[in-house]
Amino acid sequence: MVLLSATRLVWLQRGSHKLRVSIILILFPLAKLTTVRLLLAIVASKNWFLHQLDVNNAFLHGYLTEEVYMLLPPGFASSTPHKVCKLQKSLYGLKQASRQWFAKLAAALTSLGYIQSSSDFSLFVKKDDICFTALLVYVDDVILAGDHLDEIERVKAFLDSTFSIKYLGDLKYFLGLEVARSSAGIHLCQRKYALDLLSDFGFSDCKPVKTPMATKIPRDASADLLPNNTIFRKLIGRLLYLVSTRPDLAFAIQQLSQFLDRPTVTHLQVAHLVLRYLKGCLDFGFFFSTSSSPVLKAFSDSDWVGCPLTRRSVTGYCLFYGDSLVSWKAKKQITVYRSSLFTKALVLWLSGVVKLLPCSSKDQLADIFTKALTAVPFQLILSKLGLFPIHSPA
């Protein structure tokens, strides 16, 4: 995430920042959801320990590198009312707070022998002859995974003595993702999030459908524009986060996202169809099996000039760690060209070696990311992607 902040001097007054000098970018990394899924898939396949912890008052641990001043707190009596306070540590609400906290945490973990990943800066790993440990950070929420319990306990003790942490036990809930572990593997879903979504938009009692969208979005040039596009935008935004564990929604949301600027009544009706589909499969999610092999597989497909409005191609891919789906995308290309370079680069980044194989249309799992399918092929691909109800994961 990127924020703006002052380089040298900032006045803080009743929650507002008055910038006195030039502006620079302040960067602080957040864990990528692809990294979360990949880590869980590896943990399941290798039967590692998987713990979760929370850092108490995380932002108060960071030290400021800029000069930041604030007025005296209300009610504070002083013989020198014209003087101000100079902040030594970051506070909640400061634009620098997240960055300074992460810098403090990264320095602490580095001193313990952990290496920051160059692919996801929120991931720290430590490998030696005895054990392998991974630590994934999202602001003050931390996932701790590894094959050696003594090292995990040592890291927890170090973080508690350095920052003060709250140990939350085995990982069960992270960023709205529900994690259920059994002897067979790990199930990941967003059932509560989906229930709240249906409730907020009044679809808790709707009639379910079998697919998230019809084979084509109606093109009605005379369709009335929505008088207020806020509801449509809010719905698509909420659905976008649900795609974190629901690749079956990816193509539908990609199509609807094209109309955020000028949505029509028809577009809202299509979005409501997604909610009706969601009603029938609330507890769908991934199952990461303990028997999954450490082999990377990827499927890539394109619907050439598939967009009827721009004549651009829609490209989709899905990437597996063994039998566990860890990454996917449905995207309309910015320009018109025949390329699957991005998918190839992603696989090369993860494994270093790639072997391209032909794939028939009936076995092409990425087909679900490039076009709307009818119920039978849609459900068949879902089962091959590893998407199951939490109550029957196999």
Protein backbone atom coordinates (compact mmCIF):
# COMPACT_ATOMS: atom_id res chain seq x y z
CA MET A 1 0.00 0.00 0.00
CA VAL A 2 1.30 3.49 -0.86
CA LEU A 3 0.52 6.64 1.10
CA LEU A 4 1.66 10.25 0.96
CA SER A 5 3.50 11.82 3.88
CA ALA A 6 5.74 14.76 4.67
CA THR A 7 9.50 14.43 4.47
CA ARG A 8 10.57 16.69 7.32
CA LEU A 9 7.95 18.64 9.26
CA VAL A 10 4.33 17.77 9.98
CA TRP A 11 1.86 19.44 12.32
CA LEU A 12 -0.78 17.21 13.89
CA GLN A 13 -3.92 19.01 15.03
CA ARG A 14 -7.16 17.26 15.99
CA GLY A 15 -6.60 14.38 13.59
CA SER A 16 -5.70 16.51 10.55
CA HIS A 17 -2.23 16.73 9.03
CA LYS A 18 -0.87 20.07 7.86
CA LEU A 19 2.01 19.42 5.48
CA ARG A 20 4.76 22.02 5.50
CA VAL A 21 7.31 20.54 3.10
CA SER A 22 7.62 18.32 0.03
CA ILE A 23 5.73 15.04 -0.32
CA ILE A 24 7.27 11.60 -0.75
CA LEU A 25 5.85 8.11 -1.11
CA ILE A 26 5.79 5.85 1.92
CA LEU A 27 5.49 2.15 1.17
CA PHE A 28 4.47 -0.59 3.56
CA PRO A 29 3.84 -4.15 2.31
CA LEU A 30 0.75 -6.24 3.00
CA ALA A 31 0.57 -10.00 2.59
CA LYS A 32 -0.67 -11.08 -0.82
CA LEU A 33 -3.60 -13.47 -0.77
CA THR A 34 -1.80 -15.64 -3.31
CA THR A 35 1.01 -16.01 -0.78
CA VAL A 36 -1.51 -16.95 1.92
CA ARG A 37 -3.03 -19.68 -0.26
CA LEU A 38 0.35 -21.02 -1.35
CA LEU A 39 1.62 -21.13 2.23
CA LEU A 40 -1.48 -23.03 3.37
CA ALA A 41 -1.11 -25.49 0.49
CA ILE A 42 2.51 -26.17 1.45
CA VAL A 43 1.62 -26.49 5.14
CA ALA A 44 -1.07 -29.05 4.31
CA SER A 45 1.12 -31.12 1.99
CA LYS A 46 4.05 -31.20 4.42
CA ASN A 47 1.94 -31.45 7.60
CA TRP A 48 3.61 -28.42 9.19
CA PHE A 49 2.54 -26.59 12.31
CA LEU A 50 0.31 -23.58 11.62
CA HIS A 51 -0.10 -20.90 14.29
CA GLN A 52 -1.52 -17.38 14.46
CA LEU A 53 -0.72 -14.39 16.64
CA ASP A 54 -1.60 -10.74 16.97
CA VAL A 55 0.74 -7.91 17.98
CA ASN A 56 -0.62 -5.68 20.74
CA ASN A 57 -0.63 -1.93 19.95
CA ALA A 58 1.49 -2.55 16.86
CA PHE A 59 1.65 1.03 15.58
CA LEU A 60 3.00 2.35 18.89
CA HIS A 61 6.20 0.34 18.46
CA GLY A 62 7.45 2.31 15.47
CA TYR A 63 9.88 5.22 15.77
CA LEU A 64 9.50 8.30 13.58
CA THR A 65 12.20 9.37 11.16
CA GLU A 66 10.48 12.71 10.39
CA GLU A 67 9.93 15.67 12.70
CA VAL A 68 6.26 15.54 13.71
CA TYR A 69 4.73 18.01 16.16
CA MET A 70 1.31 18.19 17.80
CA LEU A 71 -0.55 20.71 19.91
CA LEU A 72 -0.81 20.09 23.63
CA PRO A 73 -3.68 17.71 24.49
CA PRO A 74 -6.93 19.44 25.59
CA GLY A 75 -6.98 20.05 29.35
CA PHE A 76 -3.21 19.87 29.69
CA ALA A 77 -2.14 22.82 31.86
CA SER A 78 1.12 24.48 30.89
CA SER A 79 2.86 27.70 31.78
CA THR A 80 4.02 27.93 28.17
CA PRO A 81 0.83 27.59 26.08
CA HIS A 82 2.64 28.47 22.86
CA LYS A 83 4.87 25.39 23.01
CA VAL A 84 4.01 22.13 21.25
CA CYS A 85 4.85 18.44 21.65
CA LYS A 86 7.37 16.62 19.47
CA LEU A 87 6.37 13.03 18.75
CA GLN A 88 9.00 10.38 19.33
CA LYS A 89 6.88 7.37 18.32
CA SER A 90 4.21 6.85 15.69
CA LEU A 91 0.56 7.07 16.71
CA TYR A 92 -2.61 5.54 15.29
CA GLY A 93 -3.81 7.75 12.46
CA LEU A 94 -0.39 8.97 11.34
CA LYS A 95 0.33 8.24 7.70
CA GLN A 96 3.77 7.00 8.71
CA ALA A 97 2.49 4.62 11.39
CA SER A 98 2.15 1.45 9.29
CA ARG A 99 5.48 1.95 7.55
CA GLN A 100 7.39 2.60 10.77
CA TRP A 101 5.82 -0.39 12.50
CA PHE A 102 6.71 -2.72 9.65
CA ALA A 103 10.27 -1.40 9.54
CA LYS A 104 10.65 -2.15 13.26
CA LEU A 105 9.24 -5.66 12.83
CA ALA A 106 11.39 -6.40 9.77
CA ALA A 107 14.53 -5.31 11.62
CA ALA A 108 13.66 -7.54 14.58
CA LEU A 109 13.03 -10.61 12.41
CA THR A 110 16.18 -10.00 10.39
CA SER A 111 18.21 -9.92 13.59
CA LEU A 112 16.79 -13.36 14.40
CA GLY A 113 18.11 -14.77 11.12
CA TYR A 114 14.98 -14.48 8.97
CA ILE A 115 15.21 -13.44 5.33
CA GLN A 116 12.64 -11.13 3.74
CA SER A 117 11.19 -12.54 0.52
CA SER A 118 11.85 -10.52 -2.62
CA SER A 119 8.55 -11.70 -4.15
CA ASP A 120 6.34 -10.78 -1.20
CA PHE A 121 7.98 -8.40 1.26
CA SER A 122 5.55 -9.40 4.01
CA LEU A 123 6.94 -12.96 4.00
CA PHE A 124 9.96 -13.87 6.15
CA VAL A 125 11.60 -17.29 6.03
CA LYS A 126 14.36 -19.07 7.88
CA LYS A 127 15.93 -22.31 6.72
CA ASP A 128 18.77 -24.28 8.25
CA ASP A 129 19.85 -27.90 8.59
CA ILE A 130 17.24 -28.54 11.27
CA CYS A 131 14.07 -26.68 10.36
CA PHE A 132 12.18 -24.41 7.99
CA THR A 133 9.98 -21.62 9.35
CA ALA A 134 7.84 -19.05 7.52
CA LEU A 135 6.27 -15.92 8.97
CA LEU A 136 3.64 -13.96 7.01
CA VAL A 137 2.57 -10.49 8.17
CA TYR A 138 -0.54 -8.42 7.46
CA VAL A 139 -0.15 -5.23 9.56
CA ASP A 140 -0.42 -6.71 13.09
CA ASP A 141 -1.78 -10.16 12.14
CA VAL A 142 0.87 -12.85 11.80
CA ILE A 143 0.81 -16.41 10.44
CA LEU A 144 3.61 -18.62 11.73
CA ALA A 145 4.26 -21.94 9.98
CA GLY A 146 7.06 -24.46 10.12
CA ASP A 147 8.17 -28.05 10.55
CA HIS A 148 9.83 -27.63 13.96
CA LEU A 149 7.75 -26.65 16.99
CA ASP A 150 10.74 -25.54 19.07
CA GLU A 151 11.66 -22.87 16.50
CA ILE A 152 8.07 -21.63 16.36
CA GLU A 153 7.98 -21.33 20.16
CA ARG A 154 11.31 -19.50 20.09
CA VAL A 155 9.99 -16.96 17.58
CA LYS A 156 6.81 -16.44 19.60
CA ALA A 157 8.82 -15.86 22.78
CA PHE A 158 11.10 -13.41 20.96
CA LEU A 159 8.20 -11.41 19.51
CA ASP A 160 6.42 -11.36 22.87
CA SER A 161 9.48 -10.02 24.67
CA THR A 162 10.12 -7.45 21.94
CA PHE A 163 6.60 -6.22 21.14
CA SER A 164 4.04 -8.05 23.34
CA ILE A 165 1.84 -10.44 21.39
CA LYS A 166 -1.46 -12.24 21.79
CA TYR A 167 -1.18 -15.91 20.85
CA LEU A 168 -4.35 -17.04 19.06
CA GLY A 169 -3.57 -20.76 18.75
CA ASP A 170 -3.87 -22.71 15.52
CA LEU A 171 -4.86 -20.63 12.49
CA LYS A 172 -8.64 -20.52 12.13
CA TYR A 173 -9.56 -17.04 10.87
CA PHE A 174 -7.36 -14.64 8.92
CA LEU A 175 -8.48 -11.52 7.01
CA GLY A 176 -12.01 -12.86 6.69
CA LEU A 177 -10.75 -16.26 5.50
CA GLU A 178 -12.04 -19.23 7.50
CA VAL A 179 -9.49 -22.03 7.95
CA ALA A 180 -10.57 -25.52 9.03
CA ARG A 181 -7.92 -28.21 9.41
CA SER A 182 -8.32 -31.97 9.65
CA SER A 183 -6.13 -35.02 9.20
CA ALA A 184 -7.00 -34.95 5.48
CA GLY A 185 -5.94 -31.35 4.83
CA ILE A 186 -6.95 -27.70 5.12
CA HIS A 187 -10.22 -26.17 3.95
CA LEU A 188 -10.35 -22.46 3.18
CA CYS A 189 -13.59 -20.54 2.65
CA GLN A 190 -15.41 -17.24 3.30
CA ARG A 191 -18.81 -18.49 4.39
CA LYS A 192 -19.42 -15.80 7.01
CA TYR A 193 -18.37 -13.08 4.58
CA ALA A 194 -20.76 -14.46 1.94
CA LEU A 195 -23.62 -14.63 4.46
CA ASP A 196 -23.05 -11.02 5.49
CA LEU A 197 -22.93 -10.00 1.83
CA LEU A 198 -26.29 -11.58 1.06
CA SER A 199 -27.82 -10.06 4.19
CA ASP A 200 -26.52 -6.56 3.44
CA PHE A 201 -28.02 -6.58 -0.06
CA GLY A 202 -31.30 -8.25 0.89
CA PHE A 203 -30.70 -11.62 -0.81
CA SER A 204 -30.70 -13.91 2.23
CA ASP A 205 -33.94 -15.58 1.11
CA CYS A 206 -33.44 -15.49 -2.65
CA LYS A 207 -33.88 -18.46 -4.98
CA PRO A 208 -30.51 -20.05 -5.93
CA VAL A 209 -29.29 -20.58 -9.49
CA LYS A 210 -26.64 -23.00 -10.79
CA THR A 211 -24.22 -20.56 -12.49
CA PRO A 212 -23.11 -17.02 -11.58
CA MET A 213 -24.07 -15.53 -14.95
CA ALA A 214 -25.78 -16.30 -18.23
CA THR A 215 -23.66 -17.19 -21.22
CA LYS A 216 -23.82 -13.57 -22.39
CA ILE A 217 -24.43 -10.22 -20.72
CA PRO A 218 -27.39 -8.50 -22.45
CA ARG A 219 -26.38 -5.52 -24.60
CA ASP A 220 -29.22 -3.06 -24.48
CA ALA A 221 -28.13 0.40 -25.59
CA SER A 222 -31.42 1.85 -24.45
CA ALA A 223 -31.17 0.42 -20.93
CA ASP A 224 -31.69 3.01 -18.23
CA LEU A 225 -28.64 4.11 -16.30
CA LEU A 226 -28.80 3.60 -12.57
CA PRO A 227 -29.74 6.88 -10.87
CA ASN A 228 -27.11 6.14 -8.22
CA ASN A 229 -24.21 3.84 -9.08
CA THR A 230 -23.02 3.63 -5.46
CA ILE A 231 -24.94 0.41 -4.75
CA PHE A 232 -23.55 -1.29 -7.87
CA ARG A 233 -19.99 -0.22 -7.07
CA LYS A 234 -20.30 -1.34 -3.46
CA LEU A 235 -21.63 -4.73 -4.53
CA ILE A 236 -18.82 -5.32 -7.03
CA GLY A 237 -16.23 -4.22 -4.48
CA ARG A 238 -17.56 -6.69 -1.92
CA LEU A 239 -17.64 -9.48 -4.51
CA LEU A 240 -14.07 -8.75 -5.56
CA TYR A 241 -12.78 -9.70 -2.12
CA LEU A 242 -14.91 -12.83 -2.14
CA VAL A 243 -13.01 -13.95 -5.25
CA SER A 244 -10.08 -14.55 -2.86
CA THR A 245 -11.50 -18.03 -2.26
CA ARG A 246 -14.09 -18.23 -5.05
CA PRO A 247 -12.51 -18.53 -8.50
CA ASP A 248 -15.94 -19.54 -9.81
CA LEU A 249 -16.92 -15.86 -9.52
CA ALA A 250 -13.81 -14.46 -11.23
CA PHE A 251 -15.11 -14.19 -14.79
CA ALA A 252 -18.50 -12.79 -13.80
CA ILE A 253 -16.91 -10.09 -11.64
CA GLN A 254 -14.36 -9.28 -14.35
CA GLN A 255 -17.20 -8.70 -16.80
CA LEU A 256 -19.27 -6.58 -14.42
CA SER A 257 -16.27 -4.49 -13.35
CA GLN A 258 -16.16 -2.96 -16.83
CA PHE A 259 -19.35 -1.02 -16.12
CA LEU A 260 -18.54 0.64 -12.80
CA ASP A 261 -18.55 4.09 -14.40
CA ARG A 262 -21.97 3.91 -16.10
CA PRO A 263 -23.87 0.84 -14.86
CA THR A 264 -27.37 0.22 -16.13
CA VAL A 265 -30.35 -1.52 -14.58
CA THR A 266 -29.44 -4.57 -16.67
CA HIS A 267 -25.94 -4.70 -15.17
CA LEU A 268 -27.38 -4.58 -11.66
CA GLN A 269 -29.71 -7.45 -12.53
CA VAL A 270 -26.73 -9.49 -13.75
CA ALA A 271 -24.91 -8.72 -10.49
CA HIS A 272 -27.96 -9.89 -8.57
CA LEU A 273 -27.70 -13.18 -10.46
CA VAL A 274 -24.24 -13.63 -8.90
CA LEU A 275 -25.81 -13.24 -5.46
CA ARG A 276 -28.46 -15.84 -6.30
CA TYR A 277 -25.71 -18.25 -7.36
CA LEU A 278 -23.83 -17.51 -4.15
CA LYS A 279 -26.91 -18.38 -2.10
CA GLY A 280 -26.73 -21.98 -3.30
CA CYS A 281 -23.03 -22.53 -2.49
CA LEU A 282 -22.23 -20.42 0.58
CA ASP A 283 -19.73 -22.86 2.09
CA PHE A 284 -17.74 -23.54 -1.08
CA GLY A 285 -13.99 -23.15 -0.72
CA PHE A 286 -10.61 -24.73 -1.36
CA PHE A 287 -9.40 -28.00 0.01
CA PHE A 288 -5.62 -28.30 0.32
CA SER A 289 -4.88 -32.02 0.61
CA THR A 290 -2.11 -33.57 2.69
CA SER A 291 -1.38 -35.90 -0.24
CA SER A 292 -0.68 -33.08 -2.70
CA SER A 293 2.68 -33.38 -4.46
CA PRO A 294 5.10 -30.41 -4.67
CA VAL A 295 4.70 -29.95 -8.43
CA LEU A 296 3.58 -26.74 -10.12
CA LYS A 297 0.95 -26.96 -12.86
CA ALA A 298 -0.64 -24.10 -14.78
CA PHE A 299 -3.50 -23.81 -17.26
CA SER A 300 -3.81 -20.77 -19.52
CA ASP A 301 -6.57 -19.92 -21.97
CA SER A 302 -7.74 -16.95 -24.03
CA ASP A 303 -11.04 -16.06 -25.60
CA TRP A 304 -9.68 -14.23 -28.65
CA VAL A 305 -11.46 -10.91 -29.26
CA GLY A 306 -14.06 -12.21 -26.84
CA CYS A 307 -15.20 -8.81 -25.58
CA PRO A 308 -18.08 -7.66 -27.85
CA LEU A 309 -17.58 -4.02 -26.83
CA THR A 310 -13.84 -3.58 -27.41
CA ARG A 311 -12.92 -6.72 -29.41
CA ARG A 312 -10.12 -7.41 -26.97
CA SER A 313 -9.13 -10.83 -25.71
CA VAL A 314 -10.06 -12.15 -22.29
CA THR A 315 -7.21 -14.16 -20.80
CA GLY A 316 -7.44 -16.51 -17.84
CA TYR A 317 -5.02 -18.72 -15.99
CA CYS A 318 -4.95 -20.96 -12.92
CA LEU A 319 -1.87 -22.21 -11.09
CA PHE A 320 -1.72 -25.34 -8.93
CA TYR A 321 0.68 -26.49 -6.25
CA GLY A 322 0.16 -30.19 -6.72
CA ASP A 323 -3.62 -30.53 -6.70
CA SER A 324 -4.15 -27.31 -4.73
CA LEU A 325 -5.23 -24.19 -6.61
CA VAL A 326 -3.20 -21.23 -5.34
CA SER A 327 -3.46 -18.51 -8.01
CA TRP A 328 -5.79 -17.50 -10.85
CA LYS A 329 -6.93 -14.51 -12.86
CA ALA A 330 -9.53 -13.46 -15.41
CA LYS A 331 -8.49 -10.30 -17.25
CA LYS A 332 -9.38 -8.43 -20.39
CA GLN A 333 -6.18 -7.52 -22.19
CA ILE A 334 -5.30 -3.84 -22.43
CA THR A 335 -4.23 -4.22 -26.04
CA VAL A 336 -5.15 -6.69 -28.78
CA TYR A 337 -2.47 -9.37 -28.93
CA ARG A 338 -2.04 -13.11 -28.66
CA SER A 339 0.13 -13.67 -25.62
CA SER A 340 0.27 -15.83 -22.53
CA LEU A 341 3.57 -14.30 -21.37
CA PHE A 342 2.28 -13.32 -17.94
CA THR A 343 1.29 -16.88 -17.05
CA LYS A 344 4.60 -18.22 -18.29
CA ALA A 345 6.51 -15.65 -16.25
CA LEU A 346 4.51 -16.51 -13.11
CA VAL A 347 5.29 -20.21 -13.40
CA LEU A 348 8.96 -19.50 -14.09
CA TRP A 349 9.08 -17.28 -11.01
CA LEU A 350 7.69 -20.02 -8.77
CA SER A 351 9.60 -23.02 -10.10
CA GLY A 352 12.41 -21.88 -12.37
CA VAL A 353 11.53 -24.63 -14.87
CA VAL A 354 8.47 -24.93 -17.06
CA LYS A 355 7.30 -27.53 -19.55
CA LEU A 356 4.55 -26.54 -21.98
CA LEU A 357 1.98 -29.19 -22.89
CA PRO A 358 -1.00 -29.05 -25.26
CA CYS A 359 -4.41 -29.19 -23.61
CA SER A 360 -7.73 -30.09 -25.22
CA SER A 361 -10.76 -27.88 -24.71
CA LYS A 362 -12.55 -30.43 -22.53
CA ASP A 363 -9.56 -30.59 -20.15
CA GLN A 364 -8.84 -26.85 -20.14
CA LEU A 365 -9.51 -25.73 -16.56
CA ALA A 366 -8.80 -22.08 -17.39
CA ASP A 367 -11.90 -22.08 -19.61
CA ILE A 368 -13.94 -20.95 -16.62
CA PHE A 369 -11.95 -17.69 -16.47
CA THR A 370 -12.49 -16.65 -20.09
CA LYS A 371 -16.19 -17.24 -20.75
CA ALA A 372 -19.52 -17.96 -19.12
CA LEU A 373 -20.33 -21.67 -19.15
CA THR A 374 -23.51 -23.67 -18.86
CA ALA A 375 -24.23 -25.61 -15.67
CA VAL A 376 -22.76 -29.02 -16.57
CA PRO A 377 -19.25 -27.98 -17.74
CA PHE A 378 -19.19 -25.26 -15.07
CA GLN A 379 -19.73 -27.74 -12.22
CA LEU A 380 -17.25 -30.20 -13.74
CA ILE A 381 -14.47 -27.62 -13.81
CA LEU A 382 -15.25 -26.53 -10.24
CA SER A 383 -14.62 -30.06 -8.98
CA LYS A 384 -11.31 -30.20 -10.88
CA LEU A 385 -10.26 -26.84 -9.44
CA GLY A 386 -10.66 -28.29 -5.95
CA LEU A 387 -13.68 -26.21 -4.94
CA PHE A 388 -15.87 -28.13 -2.48
CA PRO A 389 -18.38 -27.49 0.31
CA ILE A 390 -16.71 -27.40 3.71
CA HIS A 391 -18.94 -30.22 5.00
CA SER A 392 -17.85 -32.63 2.25
CA PRO A 393 -14.30 -31.67 1.14
CA ALA A 394 -13.60 -34.83 -0.83
